[in-house]
């Protein structure tokens, strides 16, 4: 099962907005998300980018912990 469907809309929109500016990054991240079963399957670099997107949304994470924030990116 792909995590792409679980990505919260705010982060998904930011990722799509960067598609033209960073096409290789977009491909890498979407490929990893599509192939991952859980957020733990993602590389640290992809997780960091997704957490960075989350930080710019203005949404409040349940906790400032890196892994917990990553789960919040996927609405978990």
N, C-alpha and C. Protein backbone atom coordinates (compact mmCIF):
# COMPACT_ATOMS: atom_id res chain seq x y z
N UNK A 1 0.84 -1.18 0.00
CA UNK A 1 0.00 0.00 0.00
C UNK A 1 0.88 1.25 0.00
N UNK A 2 0.55 2.19 -0.83
CA UNK A 2 1.34 3.41 -0.99
C UNK A 2 0.98 4.45 0.08
N UNK A 3 1.99 5.12 0.56
CA UNK A 3 1.76 6.21 1.51
C UNK A 3 1.34 7.49 0.82
N UNK A 4 1.44 7.53 -0.50
CA UNK A 4 1.12 8.76 -1.24
C UNK A 4 -0.31 9.22 -0.96
N UNK A 5 -1.22 8.28 -0.83
CA UNK A 5 -2.62 8.63 -0.56
C UNK A 5 -2.80 9.18 0.85
N UNK A 6 -1.90 8.85 1.76
CA UNK A 6 -2.00 9.29 3.15
C UNK A 6 -1.37 10.66 3.40
N UNK A 7 -0.60 11.14 2.46
CA UNK A 7 0.08 12.43 2.62
C UNK A 7 -0.96 13.53 2.84
N UNK A 8 -0.78 14.35 3.87
CA UNK A 8 -1.78 15.39 4.15
C UNK A 8 -1.80 16.38 2.99
N UNK A 9 -2.95 16.95 2.69
CA UNK A 9 -3.10 17.84 1.52
C UNK A 9 -2.13 19.03 1.51
N UNK A 10 -1.86 19.59 2.68
CA UNK A 10 -0.97 20.76 2.74
C UNK A 10 0.44 20.42 2.28
N UNK A 11 0.95 19.28 2.69
CA UNK A 11 2.29 18.84 2.30
C UNK A 11 2.29 18.40 0.84
N UNK A 12 1.25 17.70 0.43
CA UNK A 12 1.14 17.26 -0.96
C UNK A 12 1.16 18.46 -1.92
N UNK A 13 0.47 19.52 -1.55
CA UNK A 13 0.43 20.73 -2.38
C UNK A 13 1.81 21.38 -2.48
N UNK A 14 2.53 21.46 -1.36
CA UNK A 14 3.88 22.04 -1.38
C UNK A 14 4.82 21.20 -2.24
N UNK A 15 4.69 19.89 -2.15
CA UNK A 15 5.51 18.99 -2.97
C UNK A 15 5.22 19.22 -4.45
N UNK A 16 3.94 19.30 -4.80
CA UNK A 16 3.56 19.53 -6.20
C UNK A 16 4.05 20.89 -6.70
N UNK A 17 4.03 21.89 -5.83
CA UNK A 17 4.49 23.23 -6.21
C UNK A 17 5.98 23.25 -6.54
N UNK A 18 6.75 22.35 -5.96
CA UNK A 18 8.19 22.28 -6.21
C UNK A 18 8.55 21.37 -7.38
N UNK A 19 7.55 20.78 -8.02
CA UNK A 19 7.79 19.81 -9.10
C UNK A 19 8.61 20.40 -10.24
N UNK A 20 8.26 21.60 -10.69
CA UNK A 20 9.00 22.22 -11.80
C UNK A 20 10.37 22.70 -11.38
N UNK A 21 10.45 23.24 -10.18
CA UNK A 21 11.71 23.81 -9.70
C UNK A 21 12.73 22.72 -9.36
N UNK A 22 12.26 21.63 -8.81
CA UNK A 22 13.13 20.53 -8.39
C UNK A 22 12.60 19.19 -8.92
N UNK A 23 12.63 18.96 -10.23
CA UNK A 23 12.02 17.75 -10.80
C UNK A 23 12.63 16.45 -10.30
N UNK A 24 13.94 16.40 -10.14
CA UNK A 24 14.58 15.17 -9.67
C UNK A 24 14.22 14.87 -8.21
N UNK A 25 14.17 15.90 -7.40
CA UNK A 25 13.77 15.72 -6.00
C UNK A 25 12.33 15.25 -5.93
N UNK A 26 11.47 15.85 -6.74
CA UNK A 26 10.07 15.45 -6.78
C UNK A 26 9.93 13.98 -7.15
N UNK A 27 10.66 13.55 -8.17
CA UNK A 27 10.61 12.15 -8.61
C UNK A 27 11.09 11.21 -7.51
N UNK A 28 12.20 11.58 -6.87
CA UNK A 28 12.77 10.73 -5.80
C UNK A 28 11.78 10.59 -4.65
N UNK A 29 11.24 11.70 -4.21
CA UNK A 29 10.34 11.68 -3.06
C UNK A 29 9.06 10.91 -3.39
N UNK A 30 8.46 11.19 -4.54
CA UNK A 30 7.22 10.49 -4.89
C UNK A 30 7.47 9.00 -5.10
N UNK A 31 8.62 8.64 -5.66
CA UNK A 31 8.94 7.23 -5.84
C UNK A 31 9.06 6.53 -4.47
N UNK A 32 9.78 7.17 -3.55
CA UNK A 32 9.96 6.58 -2.23
C UNK A 32 8.63 6.45 -1.49
N UNK A 33 7.81 7.49 -1.56
CA UNK A 33 6.52 7.45 -0.87
C UNK A 33 5.63 6.36 -1.48
N UNK A 34 5.67 6.23 -2.78
CA UNK A 34 4.85 5.23 -3.45
C UNK A 34 5.28 3.81 -3.09
N UNK A 35 6.57 3.61 -2.94
CA UNK A 35 7.09 2.28 -2.65
C UNK A 35 7.07 1.93 -1.16
N UNK A 36 6.91 2.92 -0.29
CA UNK A 36 6.97 2.70 1.16
C UNK A 36 5.65 2.18 1.71
N UNK A 37 5.77 1.30 2.68
CA UNK A 37 4.58 0.80 3.38
C UNK A 37 4.32 1.60 4.65
N UNK A 38 5.39 2.07 5.27
CA UNK A 38 5.28 2.88 6.49
C UNK A 38 6.25 4.05 6.38
N UNK A 39 6.05 5.10 7.14
CA UNK A 39 6.99 6.22 7.12
C UNK A 39 8.43 5.80 7.45
N UNK A 40 8.58 4.73 8.20
CA UNK A 40 9.92 4.25 8.57
C UNK A 40 10.68 3.71 7.36
N UNK A 41 10.00 3.41 6.28
CA UNK A 41 10.65 2.91 5.07
C UNK A 41 11.32 4.01 4.26
N UNK A 42 11.05 5.26 4.58
CA UNK A 42 11.60 6.38 3.83
C UNK A 42 13.05 6.65 4.24
N UNK A 43 13.82 7.18 3.29
CA UNK A 43 15.19 7.58 3.61
C UNK A 43 15.15 8.80 4.53
N UNK A 44 16.23 9.03 5.23
CA UNK A 44 16.31 10.17 6.13
C UNK A 44 16.19 11.48 5.35
N UNK A 45 16.77 11.54 4.16
CA UNK A 45 16.71 12.77 3.37
C UNK A 45 15.27 13.07 2.93
N UNK A 46 14.53 12.06 2.52
CA UNK A 46 13.13 12.27 2.14
C UNK A 46 12.31 12.67 3.35
N UNK A 47 12.52 12.00 4.46
CA UNK A 47 11.80 12.33 5.69
C UNK A 47 12.08 13.77 6.11
N UNK A 48 13.33 14.20 5.99
CA UNK A 48 13.69 15.58 6.37
C UNK A 48 13.00 16.59 5.47
N UNK A 49 12.93 16.32 4.18
CA UNK A 49 12.25 17.24 3.25
C UNK A 49 10.77 17.31 3.60
N UNK A 50 10.14 16.17 3.83
CA UNK A 50 8.72 16.16 4.18
C UNK A 50 8.45 16.88 5.49
N UNK A 51 9.32 16.69 6.48
CA UNK A 51 9.18 17.42 7.74
C UNK A 51 9.36 18.91 7.53
N UNK A 52 10.26 19.28 6.63
CA UNK A 52 10.45 20.70 6.30
C UNK A 52 9.20 21.30 5.68
N UNK A 53 8.57 20.56 4.78
CA UNK A 53 7.30 21.01 4.21
C UNK A 53 6.25 21.17 5.32
N UNK A 54 6.18 20.19 6.21
CA UNK A 54 5.21 20.26 7.31
C UNK A 54 5.43 21.51 8.14
N UNK A 55 6.68 21.83 8.41
CA UNK A 55 7.00 23.02 9.22
C UNK A 55 6.50 24.31 8.59
N UNK A 56 6.46 24.36 7.26
CA UNK A 56 6.03 25.59 6.58
C UNK A 56 4.52 25.70 6.45
N UNK A 57 3.77 24.64 6.80
CA UNK A 57 2.31 24.68 6.66
C UNK A 57 1.63 25.47 7.76
N UNK A 58 2.31 25.65 8.87
CA UNK A 58 1.69 26.33 10.01
C UNK A 58 0.88 25.38 10.89
N UNK A 59 0.83 24.09 10.50
CA UNK A 59 0.14 23.10 11.32
C UNK A 59 0.99 22.76 12.53
N UNK A 60 0.34 22.36 13.57
CA UNK A 60 1.04 22.01 14.81
C UNK A 60 1.23 20.50 14.88
N UNK A 61 2.46 20.08 15.03
CA UNK A 61 2.77 18.66 15.19
C UNK A 61 2.41 18.22 16.61
N UNK A 62 2.10 16.95 16.75
CA UNK A 62 1.80 16.42 18.09
C UNK A 62 2.99 16.57 19.03
N UNK A 63 4.18 16.50 18.46
CA UNK A 63 5.42 16.60 19.24
C UNK A 63 6.50 17.05 18.28
N UNK A 64 7.56 17.64 18.78
CA UNK A 64 8.64 18.12 17.92
C UNK A 64 9.62 17.02 17.53
N UNK A 65 9.38 15.80 17.97
CA UNK A 65 10.23 14.66 17.64
C UNK A 65 10.19 14.41 16.13
N UNK A 66 11.33 14.14 15.53
CA UNK A 66 11.47 13.94 14.09
C UNK A 66 10.52 12.86 13.56
N UNK A 67 10.50 11.71 14.21
CA UNK A 67 9.69 10.58 13.74
C UNK A 67 8.20 10.86 13.93
N UNK A 68 7.83 11.42 15.07
CA UNK A 68 6.42 11.72 15.31
C UNK A 68 5.92 12.75 14.30
N UNK A 69 6.75 13.75 14.02
CA UNK A 69 6.36 14.75 13.03
C UNK A 69 6.19 14.10 11.65
N UNK A 70 7.07 13.16 11.32
CA UNK A 70 6.96 12.46 10.05
C UNK A 70 5.63 11.71 9.96
N UNK A 71 5.22 11.09 11.04
CA UNK A 71 3.92 10.40 11.03
C UNK A 71 2.79 11.42 10.86
N UNK A 72 2.93 12.62 11.41
CA UNK A 72 1.92 13.66 11.24
C UNK A 72 1.81 14.10 9.78
N UNK A 73 2.92 14.04 9.04
CA UNK A 73 2.92 14.37 7.62
C UNK A 73 1.95 13.46 6.87
N UNK A 74 1.77 12.25 7.38
CA UNK A 74 0.88 11.28 6.75
C UNK A 74 -0.46 11.16 7.50
N UNK A 75 -0.75 12.14 8.33
CA UNK A 75 -2.03 12.17 9.03
C UNK A 75 -2.18 11.10 10.08
N UNK A 76 -1.07 10.64 10.61
CA UNK A 76 -1.12 9.58 11.63
C UNK A 76 -0.72 10.12 12.99
